[in-house]
Amino acid sequence: MVPTGKFSRELTVFEHNREAWLRSHPGAFVAIQNEIIAEGFFETYAEALRAGLQKFDIRQGFLVKQVWTTEPVYVVS
């Protein structure tokens, strides 16, 4: 499946690298803007967010995503 919409480029980069990242950094967080990946993997969302804020143009936005095999599902009721 090819991602569409906002962050489609970032999601494509994530999907392209997911298997390698699962082997090397499972559960870590990564920050991506366009095709650029912030240096390193991070243990927490806050660390990845901070790295993205330092590295990227925040007016354009960037994606922070955790490296998992499948996406967790959250239910709010």
Protein backbone atom coordinates (compact mmCIF):
# COMPACT_ATOMS: atom_id res chain seq x y z
CA MET A 1 0.00 0.00 0.00
CA VAL A 2 1.31 3.44 -0.96
CA PRO A 3 0.58 6.10 1.67
CA THR A 4 -1.34 9.18 0.51
CA GLY A 5 -2.04 12.55 2.11
CA LYS A 6 -0.12 14.45 4.74
CA PHE A 7 3.14 12.74 5.71
CA SER A 8 2.89 10.32 2.78
CA ARG A 9 6.57 10.87 1.94
CA GLU A 10 7.60 10.26 5.55
CA LEU A 11 5.45 7.14 5.81
CA THR A 12 6.95 5.81 2.57
CA VAL A 13 10.46 6.28 4.01
CA PHE A 14 9.35 4.54 7.21
CA GLU A 15 7.84 1.57 5.35
CA HIS A 16 10.92 1.27 3.12
CA ASN A 17 13.17 1.01 6.20
CA ARG A 18 10.86 -0.79 8.63
CA GLU A 19 12.32 -4.29 8.27
CA ALA A 20 15.93 -3.15 8.78
CA TRP A 21 14.92 -0.92 11.68
CA LEU A 22 12.99 -3.78 13.29
CA ARG A 23 16.17 -5.82 13.33
CA SER A 24 18.39 -3.02 14.62
CA HIS A 25 16.09 -0.78 16.72
CA PRO A 26 12.79 -2.49 17.60
CA GLY A 27 10.53 -0.28 19.70
CA ALA A 28 12.66 2.84 19.15
CA PHE A 29 11.31 6.15 17.86
CA VAL A 30 12.44 7.88 14.69
CA ALA A 31 11.83 11.41 13.35
CA ILE A 32 11.42 11.92 9.58
CA GLN A 33 10.79 14.98 7.39
CA ASN A 34 10.35 14.37 3.66
CA GLU A 35 13.08 11.78 2.95
CA ILE A 36 15.40 12.98 5.73
CA ILE A 37 15.79 11.00 8.93
CA ALA A 38 16.95 12.74 12.11
CA GLU A 39 20.22 11.27 13.30
CA GLY A 40 19.75 8.35 15.65
CA PHE A 41 16.95 6.37 17.19
CA PHE A 42 15.35 7.40 20.43
CA GLU A 43 14.01 5.54 23.45
CA THR A 44 11.08 7.90 23.97
CA TYR A 45 8.68 9.91 21.86
CA ALA A 46 9.80 13.08 23.66
CA GLU A 47 13.46 12.49 22.70
CA ALA A 48 12.55 11.94 19.04
CA LEU A 49 10.30 15.01 19.06
CA ARG A 50 13.10 17.13 20.53
CA ALA A 51 15.56 15.85 17.88
CA GLY A 52 13.05 16.64 15.13
CA LEU A 53 12.49 20.15 16.45
CA GLN A 54 16.25 20.75 16.42
CA LYS A 55 16.85 19.23 12.98
CA PHE A 56 13.86 20.17 10.85
CA ASP A 57 11.89 23.17 9.65
CA ILE A 58 8.91 22.90 11.99
CA ARG A 59 6.70 25.02 9.73
CA GLN A 60 6.63 22.08 7.33
CA GLY A 61 6.02 19.47 10.01
CA PHE A 62 7.67 16.11 10.56
CA LEU A 63 6.70 12.61 11.58
CA VAL A 64 7.69 10.86 14.81
CA LYS A 65 6.96 7.15 14.64
CA GLN A 66 7.74 4.10 16.73
CA VAL A 67 9.33 1.10 15.03
CA TRP A 68 6.89 -1.81 15.44
CA THR A 69 5.91 -4.77 13.29
CA THR A 70 2.24 -3.83 13.56
CA GLU A 71 0.59 -0.64 14.70
CA PRO A 72 -1.02 -0.75 18.14
CA VAL A 73 -4.76 -0.12 18.31
CA TYR A 74 -6.09 2.18 21.01
CA VAL A 75 -9.75 2.25 21.98
CA VAL A 76 -11.19 5.23 23.76
CA SER A 77 -14.70 4.92 25.13
